[in-house]
Amino acid sequence: MSVNYTQDQVEFIVNQYRLKPDRETVNMLAEDLDKSVKSIIGKLSREGVYKKTVYKTKTGEDPVTKKEIVQELAELLVIEYEAVAGLEKAPKSALKILREAIADECMD
């Protein structure tokens, strides 16, 4: 079985990534070592240091689907999800406002 990375390369990859753990570093390492980005990510993963980038919305929030918001509304109102499933067709901003208003009422 052939070895894709020498021990020195592994140490270099890990150290560089720990200094700046982002995609830019991965791209730079791939170019410097003449490897694919997937190969570098795979090696970093096997070494236990790779951190998957987490998607955020334009506003910096974690993404939430309309279905999840409607499920939360059903829980807050203590009703079956199926009874309000059609709300998924409403604009997400309206669903968020409704969820916040209901949550505030439940807190009082």
PDB file of N, CA and C in Angstrom:
ATOM      1  N   MET A   1       0.843  -1.184   0.000  1.00  0.00           N
ATOM      2  CA  MET A   1       0.000   0.000   0.000  1.00  0.00           C
ATOM      3  C   MET A   1       0.888   1.247   0.000  1.00  0.00           C
ATOM      4  N   SER A   2       0.623   2.174  -0.897  1.00  0.00           N
ATOM      5  CA  SER A   2       1.444   3.375  -0.972  1.00  0.00           C
ATOM      6  C   SER A   2       0.974   4.406   0.052  1.00  0.00           C
ATOM      7  N   VAL A   3       1.897   5.250   0.461  1.00  0.00           N
ATOM      8  CA  VAL A   3       1.596   6.292   1.432  1.00  0.00           C
ATOM      9  C   VAL A   3       1.413   7.605   0.677  1.00  0.00           C
ATOM     10  N   ASN A   4       0.282   8.261   0.911  1.00  0.00           N
ATOM     11  CA  ASN A   4      -0.002   9.517   0.213  1.00  0.00           C
ATOM     12  C   ASN A   4       0.715  10.706   0.835  1.00  0.00           C
ATOM     13  N   TYR A   5       0.975  10.633   2.128  1.00  0.00           N
ATOM     14  CA  TYR A   5       1.583  11.741   2.848  1.00  0.00           C
ATOM     15  C   TYR A   5       2.729  11.231   3.714  1.00  0.00           C
ATOM     16  N   THR A   6       3.824  11.973   3.718  1.00  0.00           N
ATOM     17  CA  THR A   6       4.912  11.637   4.631  1.00  0.00           C
ATOM     18  C   THR A   6       4.547  12.162   6.012  1.00  0.00           C
ATOM     19  N   GLN A   7       5.266  11.691   7.018  1.00  0.00           N
ATOM     20  CA  GLN A   7       4.998  12.171   8.381  1.00  0.00           C
ATOM     21  C   GLN A   7       5.233  13.678   8.472  1.00  0.00           C
ATOM     22  N   ASP A   8       6.261  14.181   7.785  1.00  0.00           N
ATOM     23  CA  ASP A   8       6.540  15.623   7.779  1.00  0.00           C
ATOM     24  C   ASP A   8       5.387  16.404   7.153  1.00  0.00           C
ATOM     25  N   GLN A   9       4.828  15.867   6.056  1.00  0.00           N
ATOM     26  CA  GLN A   9       3.699  16.539   5.407  1.00  0.00           C
ATOM     27  C   GLN A   9       2.491  16.568   6.327  1.00  0.00           C
ATOM     28  N   VAL A  10       2.233  15.458   7.018  1.00  0.00           N
ATOM     29  CA  VAL A  10       1.085  15.394   7.936  1.00  0.00           C
ATOM     30  C   VAL A  10       1.250  16.432   9.038  1.00  0.00           C
ATOM     31  N   GLU A  11       2.428  16.508   9.609  1.00  0.00           N
ATOM     32  CA  GLU A  11       2.675  17.490  10.670  1.00  0.00           C
ATOM     33  C   GLU A  11       2.504  18.912  10.146  1.00  0.00           C
ATOM     34  N   PHE A  12       3.012  19.165   8.933  1.00  0.00           N
ATOM     35  CA  PHE A  12       2.880  20.482   8.315  1.00  0.00           C
ATOM     36  C   PHE A  12       1.409  20.837   8.101  1.00  0.00           C
ATOM     37  N   ILE A  13       0.654  19.903   7.525  1.00  0.00           N
ATOM     38  CA  ILE A  13      -0.771  20.130   7.253  1.00  0.00           C
ATOM     39  C   ILE A  13      -1.517  20.435   8.545  1.00  0.00           C
ATOM     40  N   VAL A  14      -1.313  19.600   9.541  1.00  0.00           N
ATOM     41  CA  VAL A  14      -2.025  19.757  10.817  1.00  0.00           C
ATOM     42  C   VAL A  14      -1.652  21.082  11.481  1.00  0.00           C
ATOM     43  N   ASN A  15      -0.361  21.404  11.518  1.00  0.00           N
ATOM     44  CA  ASN A  15       0.071  22.650  12.157  1.00  0.00           C
ATOM     45  C   ASN A  15      -0.476  23.876  11.444  1.00  0.00           C
ATOM     46  N   GLN A  16      -0.417  23.872  10.116  1.00  0.00           N
ATOM     47  CA  GLN A  16      -0.937  25.009   9.354  1.00  0.00           C
ATOM     48  C   GLN A  16      -2.438  25.180   9.573  1.00  0.00           C
ATOM     49  N   TYR A  17      -3.153  24.059   9.579  1.00  0.00           N
ATOM     50  CA  TYR A  17      -4.602  24.130   9.751  1.00  0.00           C
ATOM     51  C   TYR A  17      -4.959  24.595  11.164  1.00  0.00           C
ATOM     52  N   ARG A  18      -4.210  24.156  12.154  1.00  0.00           N
ATOM     53  CA  ARG A  18      -4.491  24.590  13.539  1.00  0.00           C
ATOM     54  C   ARG A  18      -4.254  26.088  13.705  1.00  0.00           C
ATOM     55  N   LEU A  19      -3.284  26.628  12.977  1.00  0.00           N
ATOM     56  CA  LEU A  19      -3.019  28.067  13.053  1.00  0.00           C
ATOM     57  C   LEU A  19      -4.163  28.885  12.459  1.00  0.00           C
ATOM     58  N   LYS A  20      -4.737  28.360  11.383  1.00  0.00           N
ATOM     59  CA  LYS A  20      -5.820  29.089  10.700  1.00  0.00           C
ATOM     60  C   LYS A  20      -6.798  28.065  10.116  1.00  0.00           C
ATOM     61  N   PRO A  21      -7.752  27.608  10.935  1.00  0.00           N
ATOM     62  CA  PRO A  21      -8.664  26.543  10.483  1.00  0.00           C
ATOM     63  C   PRO A  21      -9.803  27.051   9.590  1.00  0.00           C
ATOM     64  N   ASP A  22      -9.499  27.275   8.320  1.00  0.00           N
ATOM     65  CA  ASP A  22     -10.542  27.697   7.388  1.00  0.00           C
ATOM     66  C   ASP A  22     -10.290  27.105   6.000  1.00  0.00           C
ATOM     67  N   ARG A  23     -11.228  27.334   5.120  1.00  0.00           N
ATOM     68  CA  ARG A  23     -11.147  26.764   3.770  1.00  0.00           C
ATOM     69  C   ARG A  23      -9.974  27.338   2.981  1.00  0.00           C
ATOM     70  N   GLU A  24      -9.641  28.585   3.243  1.00  0.00           N
ATOM     71  CA  GLU A  24      -8.515  29.221   2.557  1.00  0.00           C
ATOM     72  C   GLU A  24      -7.217  28.452   2.836  1.00  0.00           C
ATOM     73  N   THR A  25      -7.033  28.033   4.078  1.00  0.00           N
ATOM     74  CA  THR A  25      -5.848  27.250   4.450  1.00  0.00           C
ATOM     75  C   THR A  25      -5.860  25.907   3.736  1.00  0.00           C
ATOM     76  N   VAL A  26      -7.012  25.263   3.686  1.00  0.00           N
ATOM     77  CA  VAL A  26      -7.133  23.974   2.999  1.00  0.00           C
ATOM     78  C   VAL A  26      -6.757  24.137   1.528  1.00  0.00           C
ATOM     79  N   ASN A  27      -7.259  25.175   0.891  1.00  0.00           N
ATOM     80  CA  ASN A  27      -6.946  25.425  -0.516  1.00  0.00           C
ATOM     81  C   ASN A  27      -5.450  25.661  -0.715  1.00  0.00           C
ATOM     82  N   MET A  28      -4.840  26.434   0.190  1.00  0.00           N
ATOM     83  CA  MET A  28      -3.416  26.716   0.108  1.00  0.00           C
ATOM     84  C   MET A  28      -2.600  25.429   0.277  1.00  0.00           C
ATOM     85  N   LEU A  29      -2.982  24.593   1.237  1.00  0.00           N
ATOM     86  CA  LEU A  29      -2.276  23.331   1.465  1.00  0.00           C
ATOM     87  C   LEU A  29      -2.379  22.414   0.246  1.00  0.00           C
ATOM     88  N   ALA A  30      -3.560  22.356  -0.340  1.00  0.00           N
ATOM     89  CA  ALA A  30      -3.761  21.519  -1.526  1.00  0.00           C
ATOM     90  C   ALA A  30      -2.845  21.976  -2.663  1.00  0.00           C
ATOM     91  N   GLU A  31      -2.762  23.269  -2.847  1.00  0.00           N
ATOM     92  CA  GLU A  31      -1.916  23.810  -3.912  1.00  0.00           C
ATOM     93  C   GLU A  31      -0.435  23.568  -3.608  1.00  0.00           C
ATOM     94  N   ASP A  32      -0.025  23.853  -2.371  1.00  0.00           N
ATOM     95  CA  ASP A  32       1.387  23.685  -1.989  1.00  0.00           C
ATOM     96  C   ASP A  32       1.861  22.240  -2.104  1.00  0.00           C
ATOM     97  N   LEU A  33       1.002  21.297  -1.753  1.00  0.00           N
ATOM     98  CA  LEU A  33       1.401  19.893  -1.739  1.00  0.00           C
ATOM     99  C   LEU A  33       0.970  19.133  -2.990  1.00  0.00           C
ATOM    100  N   ASP A  34       0.371  19.855  -3.932  1.00  0.00           N
ATOM    101  CA  ASP A  34      -0.098  19.255  -5.178  1.00  0.00           C
ATOM    102  C   ASP A  34      -1.056  18.095  -4.903  1.00  0.00           C
ATOM    103  N   LYS A  35      -2.008  18.350  -4.032  1.00  0.00           N
ATOM    104  CA  LYS A  35      -3.042  17.377  -3.668  1.00  0.00           C
ATOM    105  C   LYS A  35      -4.401  18.014  -3.930  1.00  0.00           C
ATOM    106  N   SER A  36      -5.442  17.193  -3.964  1.00  0.00           N
ATOM    107  CA  SER A  36      -6.785  17.744  -4.118  1.00  0.00           C
ATOM    108  C   SER A  36      -7.275  18.278  -2.767  1.00  0.00           C
ATOM    109  N   VAL A  37      -8.225  19.184  -2.838  1.00  0.00           N
ATOM    110  CA  VAL A  37      -8.824  19.730  -1.621  1.00  0.00           C
ATOM    111  C   VAL A  37      -9.460  18.601  -0.812  1.00  0.00           C
ATOM    112  N   LYS A  38     -10.130  17.670  -1.505  1.00  0.00           N
ATOM    113  CA  LYS A  38     -10.768  16.541  -0.811  1.00  0.00           C
ATOM    114  C   LYS A  38      -9.734  15.683  -0.088  1.00  0.00           C
ATOM    115  N   SER A  39      -8.576  15.521  -0.682  1.00  0.00           N
ATOM    116  CA  SER A  39      -7.518  14.732  -0.051  1.00  0.00           C
ATOM    117  C   SER A  39      -7.033  15.406   1.226  1.00  0.00           C
ATOM    118  N   ILE A  40      -6.847  16.715   1.176  1.00  0.00           N
ATOM    119  CA  ILE A  40      -6.398  17.463   2.356  1.00  0.00           C
ATOM    120  C   ILE A  40      -7.457  17.393   3.450  1.00  0.00           C
ATOM    121  N   ILE A  41      -8.716  17.610   3.089  1.00  0.00           N
ATOM    122  CA  ILE A  41      -9.803  17.543   4.071  1.00  0.00           C
ATOM    123  C   ILE A  41      -9.876  16.141   4.676  1.00  0.00           C
ATOM    124  N   GLY A  42      -9.733  15.124   3.835  1.00  0.00           N
ATOM    125  CA  GLY A  42      -9.758  13.742   4.327  1.00  0.00           C
ATOM    126  C   GLY A  42      -8.646  13.479   5.322  1.00  0.00           C
ATOM    127  N   LYS A  43      -7.449  13.957   5.015  1.00  0.00           N
ATOM    128  CA  LYS A  43      -6.308  13.753   5.919  1.00  0.00           C
ATOM    129  C   LYS A  43      -6.533  14.503   7.229  1.00  0.00           C
ATOM    130  N   LEU A  44      -6.985  15.738   7.142  1.00  0.00           N
ATOM    131  CA  LEU A  44      -7.263  16.511   8.356  1.00  0.00           C
ATOM    132  C   LEU A  44      -8.352  15.851   9.197  1.00  0.00           C
ATOM    133  N   SER A  45      -9.341  15.268   8.538  1.00  0.00           N
ATOM    134  CA  SER A  45     -10.414  14.559   9.249  1.00  0.00           C
ATOM    135  C   SER A  45      -9.861  13.334   9.962  1.00  0.00           C
ATOM    136  N   ARG A  46      -9.042  12.565   9.263  1.00  0.00           N
ATOM    137  CA  ARG A  46      -8.457  11.367   9.878  1.00  0.00           C
ATOM    138  C   ARG A  46      -7.532  11.725  11.033  1.00  0.00           C
ATOM    139  N   GLU A  47      -6.931  12.902  10.961  1.00  0.00           N
ATOM    140  CA  GLU A  47      -6.058  13.358  12.050  1.00  0.00           C
ATOM    141  C   GLU A  47      -6.867  13.981  13.193  1.00  0.00           C
ATOM    142  N   GLY A  48      -8.172  14.135  12.977  1.00  0.00           N
ATOM    143  CA  GLY A  48      -9.071  14.635  14.028  1.00  0.00           C
ATOM    144  C   GLY A  48      -9.029  16.134  14.248  1.00  0.00           C
ATOM    145  N   VAL A  49      -8.586  16.903  13.253  1.00  0.00           N
ATOM    146  CA  VAL A  49      -8.496  18.353  13.438  1.00  0.00           C
ATOM    147  C   VAL A  49      -9.426  19.148  12.519  1.00  0.00           C
ATOM    148  N   TYR A  50      -9.984  18.524  11.494  1.00  0.00           N
ATOM    149  CA  TYR A  50     -10.806  19.267  10.540  1.00  0.00           C
ATOM    150  C   TYR A  50     -12.132  19.672  11.164  1.00  0.00           C
ATOM    151  N   LYS A  51     -12.507  20.931  10.950  1.00  0.00           N
ATOM    152  CA  LYS A  51     -13.782  21.446  11.435  1.00  0.00           C
ATOM    153  C   LYS A  51     -14.636  21.809  10.227  1.00  0.00           C
ATOM    154  N   LYS A  52     -15.724  21.107  10.083  1.00  0.00           N
ATOM    155  CA  LYS A  52     -16.625  21.372   8.974  1.00  0.00           C
ATOM    156  C   LYS A  52     -17.221  22.771   9.134  1.00  0.00           C
ATOM    157  N   THR A  53     -17.262  23.521   8.039  1.00  0.00           N
ATOM    158  CA  THR A  53     -17.849  24.846   8.102  1.00  0.00           C
ATOM    159  C   THR A  53     -19.353  24.717   8.251  1.00  0.00           C
ATOM    160  N   VAL A  54     -19.897  25.506   9.143  1.00  0.00           N
ATOM    161  CA  VAL A  54     -21.322  25.461   9.431  1.00  0.00           C
ATOM    162  C   VAL A  54     -22.007  26.572   8.659  1.00  0.00           C
ATOM    163  N   TYR A  55     -23.027  26.201   7.907  1.00  0.00           N
ATOM    164  CA  TYR A  55     -23.769  27.164   7.104  1.00  0.00           C
ATOM    165  C   TYR A  55     -24.546  28.115   8.002  1.00  0.00           C
ATOM    166  N   LYS A  56     -24.522  29.386   7.665  1.00  0.00           N
ATOM    167  CA  LYS A  56     -25.307  30.413   8.348  1.00  0.00           C
ATOM    168  C   LYS A  56     -26.099  31.172   7.291  1.00  0.00           C
ATOM    169  N   THR A  57     -27.222  31.720   7.702  1.00  0.00           N
ATOM    170  CA  THR A  57     -28.020  32.523   6.785  1.00  0.00           C
ATOM    171  C   THR A  57     -27.361  33.880   6.574  1.00  0.00           C
ATOM    172  N   LYS A  58     -27.911  34.686   5.700  1.00  0.00           N
ATOM    173  CA  LYS A  58     -27.375  36.024   5.451  1.00  0.00           C
ATOM    174  C   LYS A  58     -27.360  36.866   6.713  1.00  0.00           C
ATOM    175  N   THR A  59     -28.295  36.607   7.611  1.00  0.00           N
ATOM    176  CA  THR A  59     -28.381  37.368   8.858  1.00  0.00           C
ATOM    177  C   THR A  59     -27.511  36.776   9.960  1.00  0.00           C
ATOM    178  N   GLY A  60     -26.781  35.698   9.647  1.00  0.00           N
ATOM    179  CA  GLY A  60     -25.884  35.092  10.620  1.00  0.00           C
ATOM    180  C   GLY A  60     -26.542  34.074  11.538  1.00  0.00           C
ATOM    181  N   GLU A  61     -27.786  33.718  11.259  1.00  0.00           N
ATOM    182  CA  GLU A  61     -28.502  32.750  12.084  1.00  0.00           C
ATOM    183  C   GLU A  61     -28.315  31.343  11.532  1.00  0.00           C
ATOM    184  N   ASP A  62     -28.556  30.347  12.388  1.00  0.00           N
ATOM    185  CA  ASP A  62     -28.577  28.969  11.913  1.00  0.00           C
ATOM    186  C   ASP A  62     -29.802  28.790  11.030  1.00  0.00           C
ATOM    187  N   PRO A  63     -29.683  28.061   9.933  1.00  0.00           N
ATOM    188  CA  PRO A  63     -30.831  27.888   9.047  1.00  0.00           C
ATOM    189  C   PRO A  63     -31.929  27.054   9.699  1.00  0.00           C
ATOM    190  N   VAL A  64     -33.173  27.486   9.504  1.00  0.00           N
ATOM    191  CA  VAL A  64     -34.337  26.784  10.027  1.00  0.00           C
ATOM    192  C   VAL A  64     -35.353  26.700   8.894  1.00  0.00           C
ATOM    193  N   THR A  65     -35.927  25.527   8.693  1.00  0.00           N
ATOM    194  CA  THR A  65     -36.914  25.375   7.628  1.00  0.00           C
ATOM    195  C   THR A  65     -38.285  25.841   8.102  1.00  0.00           C
ATOM    196  N   LYS A  66     -39.148  26.123   7.143  1.00  0.00           N
ATOM    197  CA  LYS A  66     -40.518  26.494   7.489  1.00  0.00           C
ATOM    198  C   LYS A  66     -41.197  25.368   8.263  1.00  0.00           C
ATOM    199  N   LYS A  67     -40.923  24.139   7.847  1.00  0.00           N
ATOM    200  CA  LYS A  67     -41.526  22.985   8.517  1.00  0.00           C
ATOM    201  C   LYS A  67     -41.135  22.966   9.996  1.00  0.00           C
ATOM    202  N   GLU A  68     -39.870  23.243  10.289  1.00  0.00           N
ATOM    203  CA  GLU A  68     -39.424  23.262  11.688  1.00  0.00           C
ATOM    204  C   GLU A  68     -40.130  24.360  12.480  1.00  0.00           C
ATOM    205  N   ILE A  69     -40.312  25.527  11.861  1.00  0.00           N
ATOM    206  CA  ILE A  69     -41.006  26.621  12.540  1.00  0.00           C
ATOM    207  C   ILE A  69     -42.448  26.235  12.821  1.00  0.00           C
ATOM    208  N   VAL A  70     -43.107  25.626  11.840  1.00  0.00           N
ATOM    209  CA  VAL A  70     -44.507  25.211  12.030  1.00  0.00           C
ATOM    210  C   VAL A  70     -44.599  24.128  13.108  1.00  0.00           C
ATOM    211  N   GLN A  71     -43.636  23.226  13.156  1.00  0.00           N
ATOM    212  CA  GLN A  71     -43.620  22.211  14.209  1.00  0.00           C
ATOM    213  C   GLN A  71     -43.481  22.855  15.589  1.00  0.00           C
ATOM    214  N   GLU A  72     -42.635  23.888  15.680  1.00  0.00           N
ATOM    215  CA  GLU A  72     -42.494  24.610  16.948  1.00  0.00           C
ATOM    216  C   GLU A  72     -43.798  25.298  17.325  1.00  0.00           C
ATOM    217  N   LEU A  73     -44.464  25.893  16.332  1.00  0.00           N
ATOM    218  CA  LEU A  73     -45.755  26.539  16.592  1.00  0.00           C
ATOM    219  C   LEU A  73     -46.755  25.531  17.138  1.00  0.00           C
ATOM    220  N   ALA A  74     -46.816  24.349  16.534  1.00  0.00           N
ATOM    221  CA  ALA A  74     -47.738  23.312  16.985  1.00  0.00           C
ATOM    222  C   ALA A  74     -47.433  22.922  18.428  1.00  0.00           C
ATOM    223  N   GLU A  75     -46.159  22.787  18.758  1.00  0.00           N
ATOM    224  CA  GLU A  75     -45.777  22.444  20.129  1.00  0.00           C
ATOM    225  C   GLU A  75     -46.181  23.536  21.104  1.00  0.00           C
ATOM    226  N   LEU A  76     -45.932  24.793  20.719  1.00  0.00           N
ATOM    227  CA  LEU A  76     -46.297  25.916  21.591  1.00  0.00           C
ATOM    228  C   LEU A  76     -47.805  25.983  21.823  1.00  0.00           C
ATOM    229  N   LEU A  77     -48.564  25.658  20.785  1.00  0.00           N
ATOM    230  CA  LEU A  77     -50.026  25.715  20.884  1.00  0.00           C
ATOM    231  C   LEU A  77     -50.635  24.412  21.395  1.00  0.00           C
ATOM    232  N   VAL A  78     -49.795  23.414  21.610  1.00  0.00           N
ATOM    233  CA  VAL A  78     -50.206  22.089  22.091  1.00  0.00           C
ATOM    234  C   VAL A  78     -51.291  21.506  21.183  1.00  0.00           C
ATOM    235  N   ILE A  79     -50.963  21.482  19.895  1.00  0.00           N
ATOM    236  CA  ILE A  79     -51.855  20.862  18.915  1.00  0.00           C
ATOM    237  C   ILE A  79     -51.025  19.965  18.012  1.00  0.00           C
ATOM    238  N   GLU A  80     -51.690  19.095  17.279  1.00  0.00           N
ATOM    239  CA  GLU A  80     -50.997  18.194  16.355  1.00  0.00           C
ATOM    240  C   GLU A  80     -50.438  18.987  15.181  1.00  0.00           C
ATOM    241  N   TYR A  81     -49.250  18.617  14.753  1.00  0.00           N
ATOM    242  CA  TYR A  81     -48.593  19.280  13.635  1.00  0.00           C
ATOM    243  C   TYR A  81     -49.468  19.253  12.381  1.00  0.00           C
ATOM    244  N   GLU A  82     -50.107  18.125  12.131  1.00  0.00           N
ATOM    245  CA  GLU A  82     -50.925  17.976  10.927  1.00  0.00           C
ATOM    246  C   GLU A  82     -52.033  19.022  10.843  1.00  0.00           C
ATOM    247  N   ALA A  83     -52.480  19.515  11.990  1.00  0.00           N
ATOM    248  CA  ALA A  83     -53.559  20.504  12.009  1.00  0.00           C
ATOM    249  C   ALA A  83     -53.105  21.854  11.456  1.00  0.00           C
ATOM    250  N   VAL A  84     -51.802  22.119  11.493  1.00  0.00           N
ATOM    251  CA  VAL A  84     -51.301  23.412  11.024  1.00  0.00           C
ATOM    252  C   VAL A  84     -50.260  23.271   9.907  1.00  0.00           C
ATOM    253  N   ALA A  85     -50.157  22.094   9.326  1.00  0.00           N
ATOM    254  CA  ALA A  85     -49.135  21.828   8.314  1.00  0.00           C
ATOM    255  C   ALA A  85     -49.240  22.767   7.119  1.00  0.00           C
ATOM    256  N   GLY A  86     -50.408  23.254   6.796  1.00  0.00           N
ATOM    257  CA  GLY A  86     -50.586  24.168   5.665  1.00  0.00           C
ATOM    258  C   GLY A  86     -49.893  25.508   5.859  1.00  0.00           C
ATOM    259  N   LEU A  87     -49.553  25.826   7.096  1.00  0.00           N
ATOM    260  CA  LEU A  87     -48.864  27.087   7.368  1.00  0.00           C
ATOM    261  C   LEU A  87     -47.477  27.150   6.717  1.00  0.00           C
ATOM    262  N   GLU A  88     -46.953  26.019   6.323  1.00  0.00           N
ATOM    263  CA  GLU A  88     -45.629  25.986   5.695  1.00  0.00           C
ATOM    264  C   GLU A  88     -45.594  26.803   4.404  1.00  0.00           C
ATOM    265  N   LYS A  89     -46.757  27.079   3.845  1.00  0.00           N
ATOM    266  CA  LYS A  89     -46.830  27.849   2.605  1.00  0.00           C
ATOM    267  C   LYS A  89     -46.746  29.354   2.864  1.00  0.00           C
ATOM    268  N   ALA A  90     -46.838  29.762   4.126  1.00  0.00           N
ATOM    269  CA  ALA A  90     -46.756  31.180   4.482  1.00  0.00           C
ATOM    270  C   ALA A  90     -45.304  31.648   4.389  1.00  0.00           C
ATOM    271  N   PRO A  91     -45.083  32.956   4.231  1.00  0.00           N
ATOM    272  CA  PRO A  91     -43.703  33.462   4.208  1.00  0.00           C
ATOM    273  C   PRO A  91     -42.982  33.155   5.520  1.00  0.00           C
ATOM    274  N   LYS A  92     -41.717  32.824   5.411  1.00  0.00           N
ATOM    275  CA  LYS A  92     -40.936  32.461   6.595  1.00  0.00           C
ATOM    276  C   LYS A  92     -40.916  33.601   7.611  1.00  0.00           C
ATOM    277  N   SER A  93     -40.797  34.827   7.132  1.00  0.00           N
ATOM    278  CA  SER A  93     -40.757  35.971   8.055  1.00  0.00           C
ATOM    279  C   SER A  93     -42.039  36.056   8.874  1.00  0.00           C
ATOM    280  N   ALA A  94     -43.182  35.771   8.254  1.00  0.00           N
ATOM    281  CA  ALA A  94     -44.455  35.798   8.974  1.00  0.00           C
ATOM    282  C   ALA A  94     -44.515  34.676  10.009  1.00  0.00           C
ATOM    283  N   LEU A  95     -44.016  33.515   9.646  1.00  0.00           N
ATOM    284  CA  LEU A  95     -44.000  32.391  10.586  1.00  0.00           C
ATOM    285  C   LEU A  95     -43.115  32.691  11.791  1.00  0.00           C
ATOM    286  N   LYS A  96     -41.977  33.350  11.546  1.00  0.00           N
ATOM    287  CA  LYS A  96     -41.079  33.704  12.644  1.00  0.00           C
ATOM    288  C   LYS A  96     -41.737  34.704  13.598  1.00  0.00           C
ATOM    289  N   ILE A  97     -42.416  35.689  13.037  1.00  0.00           N
ATOM    290  CA  ILE A  97     -43.112  36.680  13.860  1.00  0.00           C
ATOM    291  C   ILE A  97     -44.187  35.999  14.702  1.00  0.00           C
ATOM    292  N   LEU A  98     -44.945  35.107  14.077  1.00  0.00           N
ATOM    293  CA  LEU A  98     -45.994  34.365  14.782  1.00  0.00           C
ATOM    294  C   LEU A  98     -45.394  33.518  15.896  1.00  0.00           C
ATOM    295  N   ARG A  99     -44.294  32.838  15.608  1.00  0.00           N
ATOM    296  CA  ARG A  99     -43.638  32.000  16.617  1.00  0.00           C
ATOM    297  C   ARG A  99     -43.180  32.831  17.806  1.00  0.00           C
ATOM    298  N   GLU A 100     -42.565  33.982  17.532  1.00  0.00           N
ATOM    299  CA  GLU A 100     -42.094  34.852  18.616  1.00  0.00           C
ATOM    300  C   GLU A 100     -43.254  35.363  19.463  1.00  0.00           C
ATOM    301  N   ALA A 101     -44.339  35.768  18.816  1.00  0.00           N
ATOM    302  CA  ALA A 101     -45.497  36.289  19.540  1.00  0.00           C
ATOM    303  C   ALA A 101     -46.116  35.213  20.440  1.00  0.00           C
ATOM    304  N   ILE A 102     -46.243  34.016  19.905  1.00  0.00           N
ATOM    305  CA  ILE A 102     -46.821  32.929  20.682  1.00  0.00           C
ATOM    306  C   ILE A 102     -45.885  32.530  21.831  1.00  0.00           C
ATOM    307  N   ALA A 103     -44.603  32.482  21.557  1.00  0.00           N
ATOM    308  CA  ALA A 103     -43.623  32.143  22.593  1.00  0.00           C
ATOM    309  C   ALA A 103     -43.651  33.168  23.711  1.00  0.00           C
ATOM    310  N   ASP A 104     -43.758  34.463  23.336  1.00  0.00           N
ATOM    311  CA  ASP A 104     -43.832  35.523  24.360  1.00  0.00           C
ATOM    312  C   ASP A 104     -45.084  35.359  25.218  1.00  0.00           C
ATOM    313  N   GLU A 105     -46.214  35.030  24.602  1.00  0.00           N
ATOM    314  CA  GLU A 105     -47.467  34.836  25.337  1.00  0.00           C
ATOM    315  C   GLU A 105     -47.361  33.639  26.292  1.00  0.00           C
ATOM    316  N   CYS A 106     -46.678  32.599  25.845  1.00  0.00           N
ATOM    317  CA  CYS A 106     -46.525  31.408  26.682  1.00  0.00           C
ATOM    318  C   CYS A 106     -45.629  31.694  27.884  1.00  0.00           C
ATOM    319  N   MET A 107     -44.731  32.642  27.752  1.00  0.00           N
ATOM    320  CA  MET A 107     -43.816  32.995  28.846  1.00  0.00           C
ATOM    321  C   MET A 107     -44.516  33.814  29.927  1.00  0.00           C
ATOM    322  N   ASP A 108     -45.544  34.540  29.546  1.00  0.00           N
ATOM    323  CA  ASP A 108     -46.254  35.411  30.528  1.00  0.00           C
ATOM    324  C   ASP A 108     -47.089  34.627  31.485  1.00  0.00           C
TER     325      ASP A 108
END
